[in-house]
Amino acid sequence: MSINKRVEDRLVPLEVVVVRDESSNAEVGRVLDYSVNGFMLSTHLKLKNEEEYRYSFSLKNGDSFEKLLTFRTQCRWKRLDPSTGLMIAGFKILHRGEDKIALIKALIHRNSK
């Protein structure tokens, strides 16, 4: 387990966590770190600050991906990673209910073993 210090502790996933667009199911990118309040994403998309998106987290399960949860997010910042040419973006998770918080905590627990 690796934790980055920001405003809050964020966990770097031990497993590949794929982010998908909820409406098209297209892969948006990969989670670099996350907490119950937000996540950092590596993506090929051109995102807009303050724009809201509806995404889902999926974990690799054999040859397929298992959808864990879906939520509305807001892009808070973005920057180009010159080493990869990908965008790195920070997202806030909006309207988190207790059920979504519990699922994110379960993901954190799963990745801390």
C-alpha atoms as a PDB file:
ATOM      1  CA  MET A   1       0.000   0.000   0.000  1.00  0.00           C
ATOM      2  CA  SER A   2       1.236   3.459  -0.846  1.00  0.00           C
ATOM      3  CA  ILE A   3      -0.361   6.653   0.449  1.00  0.00           C
ATOM      4  CA  ASN A   4       0.182  10.157  -0.952  1.00  0.00           C
ATOM      5  CA  LYS A   5      -0.392  13.113   1.383  1.00  0.00           C
ATOM      6  CA  ARG A   6      -2.680  15.833   0.085  1.00  0.00           C
ATOM      7  CA  VAL A   7      -5.573  17.481   1.868  1.00  0.00           C
ATOM      8  CA  GLU A   8      -6.434  13.908   2.831  1.00  0.00           C
ATOM      9  CA  ASP A   9      -4.731  10.549   2.507  1.00  0.00           C
ATOM     10  CA  ARG A  10      -5.108   8.944  -0.912  1.00  0.00           C
ATOM     11  CA  LEU A  11      -4.442   5.307  -1.692  1.00  0.00           C
ATOM     12  CA  VAL A  12      -2.549   4.135  -4.762  1.00  0.00           C
ATOM     13  CA  PRO A  13      -4.396   1.030  -6.007  1.00  0.00           C
ATOM     14  CA  LEU A  14      -2.567  -2.301  -6.042  1.00  0.00           C
ATOM     15  CA  GLU A  15      -4.919  -3.509  -8.784  1.00  0.00           C
ATOM     16  CA  VAL A  16      -5.760  -1.814 -12.092  1.00  0.00           C
ATOM     17  CA  VAL A  17      -8.831   0.376 -11.538  1.00  0.00           C
ATOM     18  CA  VAL A  18     -10.344   1.346 -14.890  1.00  0.00           C
ATOM     19  CA  VAL A  19     -12.608   4.373 -15.195  1.00  0.00           C
ATOM     20  CA  ARG A  20     -15.399   4.153 -17.776  1.00  0.00           C
ATOM     21  CA  ASP A  21     -17.875   6.690 -19.105  1.00  0.00           C
ATOM     22  CA  GLU A  22     -21.227   5.576 -17.745  1.00  0.00           C
ATOM     23  CA  SER A  23     -23.259   6.418 -20.869  1.00  0.00           C
ATOM     24  CA  SER A  24     -20.976   4.866 -23.508  1.00  0.00           C
ATOM     25  CA  ASN A  25     -19.053   2.331 -21.348  1.00  0.00           C
ATOM     26  CA  ALA A  26     -15.898   3.570 -23.128  1.00  0.00           C
ATOM     27  CA  GLU A  27     -12.675   3.416 -21.135  1.00  0.00           C
ATOM     28  CA  VAL A  28     -11.734   6.907 -19.937  1.00  0.00           C
ATOM     29  CA  GLY A  29      -8.489   6.042 -18.174  1.00  0.00           C
ATOM     30  CA  ARG A  30      -6.853   4.509 -15.112  1.00  0.00           C
ATOM     31  CA  VAL A  31      -6.995   5.566 -11.470  1.00  0.00           C
ATOM     32  CA  LEU A  32      -3.617   6.703 -10.128  1.00  0.00           C
ATOM     33  CA  ASP A  33      -4.837   7.312  -6.554  1.00  0.00           C
ATOM     34  CA  TYR A  34      -8.146   7.722  -4.736  1.00  0.00           C
ATOM     35  CA  SER A  35      -9.970   8.430  -1.489  1.00  0.00           C
ATOM     36  CA  VAL A  36     -13.615   8.584  -0.434  1.00  0.00           C
ATOM     37  CA  ASN A  37     -13.735  12.168  -1.744  1.00  0.00           C
ATOM     38  CA  GLY A  38     -11.960  11.969  -5.083  1.00  0.00           C
ATOM     39  CA  PHE A  39      -9.386  10.424  -7.369  1.00  0.00           C
ATOM     40  CA  MET A  40      -6.571  11.195  -9.772  1.00  0.00           C
ATOM     41  CA  LEU A  41      -6.890   9.854 -13.302  1.00  0.00           C
ATOM     42  CA  SER A  42      -4.532   9.271 -16.211  1.00  0.00           C
ATOM     43  CA  THR A  43      -6.470   9.718 -19.477  1.00  0.00           C
ATOM     44  CA  HIS A  44      -6.183  10.382 -23.188  1.00  0.00           C
ATOM     45  CA  LEU A  45      -9.263  12.652 -23.088  1.00  0.00           C
ATOM     46  CA  LYS A  46      -9.231  16.427 -23.181  1.00  0.00           C
ATOM     47  CA  LEU A  47     -11.118  17.345 -20.015  1.00  0.00           C
ATOM     48  CA  LYS A  48     -12.537  20.676 -18.886  1.00  0.00           C
ATOM     49  CA  ASN A  49     -12.030  22.084 -15.396  1.00  0.00           C
ATOM     50  CA  GLU A  50     -15.260  22.287 -13.363  1.00  0.00           C
ATOM     51  CA  GLU A  51     -17.050  20.042 -15.906  1.00  0.00           C
ATOM     52  CA  GLU A  52     -19.155  17.218 -14.464  1.00  0.00           C
ATOM     53  CA  TYR A  53     -18.856  13.629 -15.699  1.00  0.00           C
ATOM     54  CA  ARG A  54     -20.622  10.358 -14.848  1.00  0.00           C
ATOM     55  CA  TYR A  55     -18.032   7.601 -14.426  1.00  0.00           C
ATOM     56  CA  SER A  56     -17.754   4.086 -13.061  1.00  0.00           C
ATOM     57  CA  PHE A  57     -14.853   2.224 -11.440  1.00  0.00           C
ATOM     58  CA  SER A  58     -14.116  -1.298 -12.674  1.00  0.00           C
ATOM     59  CA  LEU A  59     -11.578  -3.870 -11.458  1.00  0.00           C
ATOM     60  CA  LYS A  60     -10.015  -6.554 -13.640  1.00  0.00           C
ATOM     61  CA  ASN A  61     -11.605  -9.911 -12.874  1.00  0.00           C
ATOM     62  CA  GLY A  62      -9.920 -12.605 -14.980  1.00  0.00           C
ATOM     63  CA  ASP A  63     -10.270 -11.587 -18.626  1.00  0.00           C
ATOM     64  CA  SER A  64     -13.063  -9.072 -18.002  1.00  0.00           C
ATOM     65  CA  PHE A  65     -13.779  -6.102 -15.755  1.00  0.00           C
ATOM     66  CA  GLU A  66     -16.165  -6.038 -12.800  1.00  0.00           C
ATOM     67  CA  LYS A  67     -18.054  -2.748 -12.361  1.00  0.00           C
ATOM     68  CA  LEU A  68     -17.849  -1.645  -8.734  1.00  0.00           C
ATOM     69  CA  LEU A  69     -19.650   1.654  -8.530  1.00  0.00           C
ATOM     70  CA  THR A  70     -20.933   4.586 -10.562  1.00  0.00           C
ATOM     71  CA  PHE A  71     -20.865   8.233  -9.525  1.00  0.00           C
ATOM     72  CA  ARG A  72     -20.946  11.817 -10.712  1.00  0.00           C
ATOM     73  CA  THR A  73     -17.614  13.588 -10.653  1.00  0.00           C
ATOM     74  CA  GLN A  74     -16.225  17.041 -11.292  1.00  0.00           C
ATOM     75  CA  CYS A  75     -12.834  17.700 -12.833  1.00  0.00           C
ATOM     76  CA  ARG A  76     -11.032  20.036 -10.408  1.00  0.00           C
ATOM     77  CA  TRP A  77      -7.681  20.345 -12.206  1.00  0.00           C
ATOM     78  CA  LYS A  78      -5.755  18.885 -15.113  1.00  0.00           C
ATOM     79  CA  ARG A  79      -2.236  18.927 -16.554  1.00  0.00           C
ATOM     80  CA  LEU A  80      -0.362  17.258 -19.367  1.00  0.00           C
ATOM     81  CA  ASP A  81       2.178  14.612 -18.385  1.00  0.00           C
ATOM     82  CA  PRO A  82       5.013  15.315 -20.840  1.00  0.00           C
ATOM     83  CA  SER A  83       6.568  11.876 -20.297  1.00  0.00           C
ATOM     84  CA  THR A  84       3.444  10.008 -21.497  1.00  0.00           C
ATOM     85  CA  GLY A  85       1.478  12.624 -23.442  1.00  0.00           C
ATOM     86  CA  LEU A  86      -1.566  11.766 -21.280  1.00  0.00           C
ATOM     87  CA  MET A  87      -3.641  14.129 -19.178  1.00  0.00           C
ATOM     88  CA  ILE A  88      -3.455  13.766 -15.404  1.00  0.00           C
ATOM     89  CA  ALA A  89      -6.610  15.090 -13.765  1.00  0.00           C
ATOM     90  CA  GLY A  90      -8.016  15.397 -10.269  1.00  0.00           C
ATOM     91  CA  PHE A  91     -11.696  14.673  -9.677  1.00  0.00           C
ATOM     92  CA  LYS A  92     -14.059  15.332  -6.812  1.00  0.00           C
ATOM     93  CA  ILE A  93     -16.758  12.699  -6.273  1.00  0.00           C
ATOM     94  CA  LEU A  94     -20.137  14.461  -6.085  1.00  0.00           C
ATOM     95  CA  HIS A  95     -23.247  13.405  -4.158  1.00  0.00           C
ATOM     96  CA  ARG A  96     -21.639  10.517  -2.312  1.00  0.00           C
ATOM     97  CA  GLY A  97     -24.222   8.599  -0.386  1.00  0.00           C
ATOM     98  CA  GLU A  98     -23.358   6.286   2.476  1.00  0.00           C
ATOM     99  CA  ASP A  99     -23.612   3.309   0.086  1.00  0.00           C
ATOM    100  CA  LYS A 100     -20.966   4.767  -2.268  1.00  0.00           C
ATOM    101  CA  ILE A 101     -18.692   5.711   0.625  1.00  0.00           C
ATOM    102  CA  ALA A 102     -18.964   2.134   1.913  1.00  0.00           C
ATOM    103  CA  LEU A 103     -18.037   0.757  -1.533  1.00  0.00           C
ATOM    104  CA  ILE A 104     -15.011   3.061  -1.821  1.00  0.00           C
ATOM    105  CA  LYS A 105     -13.900   2.088   1.697  1.00  0.00           C
ATOM    106  CA  ALA A 106     -14.262  -1.581   0.712  1.00  0.00           C
ATOM    107  CA  LEU A 107     -12.075  -0.913  -2.335  1.00  0.00           C
ATOM    108  CA  ILE A 108      -9.518   0.797  -0.114  1.00  0.00           C
ATOM    109  CA  HIS A 109      -9.595  -2.176   2.282  1.00  0.00           C
ATOM    110  CA  ARG A 110      -9.259  -4.617  -0.646  1.00  0.00           C
ATOM    111  CA  ASN A 111      -6.201  -2.717  -1.897  1.00  0.00           C
ATOM    112  CA  SER A 112      -4.508  -2.474   1.497  1.00  0.00           C
ATOM    113  CA  LYS A 113      -3.872  -6.178   2.013  1.00  0.00           C
END
